[in-house]
Amino acid sequence: MKNYLITIFNSPEAEKTWENLTPEQMQASLSKYMAYSERLRNEGRLLAGEGLSMNGHTIRGTGADQHVTDGPHILAKELVGGFYFITAENLDGALAIARDCPGLAHGATVEVREQMDYGQ
């Protein structure tokens, strides 16, 4: 088994989709995320997963030249909206899991990356 990070990226259009949901639609969407997480947990595949706030801070530089900037990166076309850290047999298995991510129904982009193996 290998570990994979599924990252959910939201474009401005995807964010507008979320903003325009009625409370009932929002609850239905959140229920799909909860069911997805529960399924992965029951299968023993979910290592961690969370939704993320759209607010963030960036740090650049070191020492006295370090700067902290509020908010999401101004040049970003997509922002990280959440993640799942999972275990799967191989990349094909991880991609199969990612294809079921509820964010895809709202226009999100989902990226799958394998955790590096340092041979320890």
Protein backbone atom coordinates (compact mmCIF):
# COMPACT_ATOMS: atom_id res chain seq x y z
CA MET A 1 0.00 0.00 0.00
CA LYS A 2 1.11 3.54 -0.74
CA ASN A 3 -0.09 6.90 0.56
CA TYR A 4 -1.58 9.56 -1.69
CA LEU A 5 -2.69 13.15 -1.24
CA ILE A 6 -5.92 14.11 -2.99
CA THR A 7 -6.02 17.90 -3.19
CA ILE A 8 -9.25 19.71 -4.08
CA PHE A 9 -8.71 22.97 -5.98
CA ASN A 10 -11.56 25.46 -6.33
CA SER A 11 -11.61 27.97 -9.15
CA PRO A 12 -13.50 31.27 -8.75
CA GLU A 13 -16.32 29.67 -10.77
CA ALA A 14 -16.44 26.68 -8.43
CA GLU A 15 -16.57 29.03 -5.43
CA LYS A 16 -19.52 30.87 -7.00
CA THR A 17 -21.29 27.54 -7.41
CA TRP A 18 -20.95 26.98 -3.65
CA GLU A 19 -22.02 30.53 -2.83
CA ASN A 20 -25.20 30.17 -4.90
CA LEU A 21 -26.42 26.98 -3.23
CA THR A 22 -29.56 27.13 -1.13
CA PRO A 23 -29.19 25.95 2.48
CA GLU A 24 -30.82 22.65 1.47
CA GLN A 25 -28.44 22.19 -1.47
CA MET A 26 -25.47 23.06 0.76
CA GLN A 27 -26.55 20.46 3.31
CA ALA A 28 -26.99 17.84 0.56
CA SER A 29 -23.49 18.61 -0.77
CA LEU A 30 -21.93 18.44 2.68
CA SER A 31 -23.72 15.13 3.27
CA LYS A 32 -22.04 13.75 0.13
CA TYR A 33 -18.63 14.78 1.47
CA MET A 34 -19.41 13.15 4.82
CA ALA A 35 -20.56 9.94 3.12
CA TYR A 36 -17.41 9.91 0.95
CA SER A 37 -15.22 10.36 4.04
CA GLU A 38 -17.14 7.70 5.95
CA ARG A 39 -16.79 5.22 3.07
CA LEU A 40 -13.02 5.78 2.91
CA ARG A 41 -12.78 5.48 6.71
CA ASN A 42 -14.77 2.21 6.70
CA GLU A 43 -12.52 0.82 3.94
CA GLY A 44 -9.46 1.70 6.03
CA ARG A 45 -8.22 4.09 3.34
CA LEU A 46 -8.68 7.50 5.00
CA LEU A 47 -5.60 8.70 6.88
CA ALA A 48 -6.75 12.35 7.16
CA GLY A 49 -9.00 14.81 5.40
CA GLU A 50 -10.39 18.28 5.93
CA GLY A 51 -12.01 21.21 4.19
CA LEU A 52 -10.01 24.42 4.33
CA SER A 53 -10.94 28.06 4.84
CA MET A 54 -10.55 30.30 1.80
CA ASN A 55 -8.54 32.68 3.99
CA GLY A 56 -4.84 32.01 4.27
CA HIS A 57 -1.44 33.59 4.76
CA THR A 58 1.76 33.22 2.81
CA ILE A 59 5.28 33.56 4.18
CA ARG A 60 8.18 34.42 1.89
CA GLY A 61 11.86 34.90 2.62
CA THR A 62 13.97 34.17 5.67
CA GLY A 63 15.22 36.05 8.69
CA ALA A 64 14.80 39.83 8.54
CA ASP A 65 13.63 39.54 4.91
CA GLN A 66 10.62 37.44 5.84
CA HIS A 67 7.21 38.80 4.80
CA VAL A 68 3.74 37.55 5.73
CA THR A 69 0.88 38.31 3.35
CA ASP A 70 -2.80 37.92 4.30
CA GLY A 71 -5.33 36.18 2.12
CA PRO A 72 -5.00 33.64 -0.63
CA HIS A 73 -2.16 34.16 -3.07
CA ILE A 74 -3.25 36.99 -5.33
CA LEU A 75 -2.00 35.32 -8.52
CA ALA A 76 -3.61 31.95 -7.86
CA LYS A 77 -6.26 30.90 -10.35
CA GLU A 78 -7.38 28.06 -8.10
CA LEU A 79 -7.25 27.79 -4.32
CA VAL A 80 -6.94 24.68 -2.20
CA GLY A 81 -10.38 23.99 -0.78
CA GLY A 82 -9.61 20.73 1.00
CA PHE A 83 -7.70 17.48 0.97
CA TYR A 84 -7.82 13.78 1.65
CA PHE A 85 -4.75 11.79 2.64
CA ILE A 86 -5.45 8.19 1.66
CA THR A 87 -3.86 4.81 1.23
CA ALA A 88 -4.26 2.75 -1.95
CA GLU A 89 -2.63 -0.22 -3.65
CA ASN A 90 -1.27 1.92 -6.49
CA LEU A 91 -1.89 5.09 -8.51
CA ASP A 92 -4.80 3.53 -10.39
CA GLY A 93 -6.48 2.74 -7.08
CA ALA A 94 -5.90 6.28 -5.81
CA LEU A 95 -7.28 7.75 -9.04
CA ALA A 96 -10.38 5.56 -8.73
CA ILE A 97 -10.95 6.93 -5.22
CA ALA A 98 -10.36 10.52 -6.38
CA ARG A 99 -12.85 10.15 -9.25
CA ASP A 100 -15.61 9.84 -6.63
CA CYS A 101 -14.69 13.10 -4.86
CA PRO A 102 -17.88 15.15 -4.40
CA GLY A 103 -16.07 18.41 -5.26
CA LEU A 104 -15.94 17.40 -8.91
CA ALA A 105 -19.72 17.92 -9.12
CA HIS A 106 -19.17 21.60 -8.21
CA GLY A 107 -16.44 22.30 -10.75
CA ALA A 108 -13.44 21.59 -8.52
CA THR A 109 -10.22 20.14 -9.90
CA VAL A 110 -8.81 17.17 -8.02
CA GLU A 111 -5.09 16.36 -8.01
CA VAL A 112 -3.57 13.06 -6.85
CA ARG A 113 0.05 12.86 -5.67
CA GLU A 114 1.95 9.94 -4.20
CA GLN A 115 3.74 10.48 -0.90
CA MET A 116 7.50 10.31 -1.33
CA ASP A 117 9.17 7.17 -0.02
CA TYR A 118 12.45 7.95 1.71
CA GLY A 119 13.21 4.25 2.23
CA GLN A 120 12.91 4.38 6.00
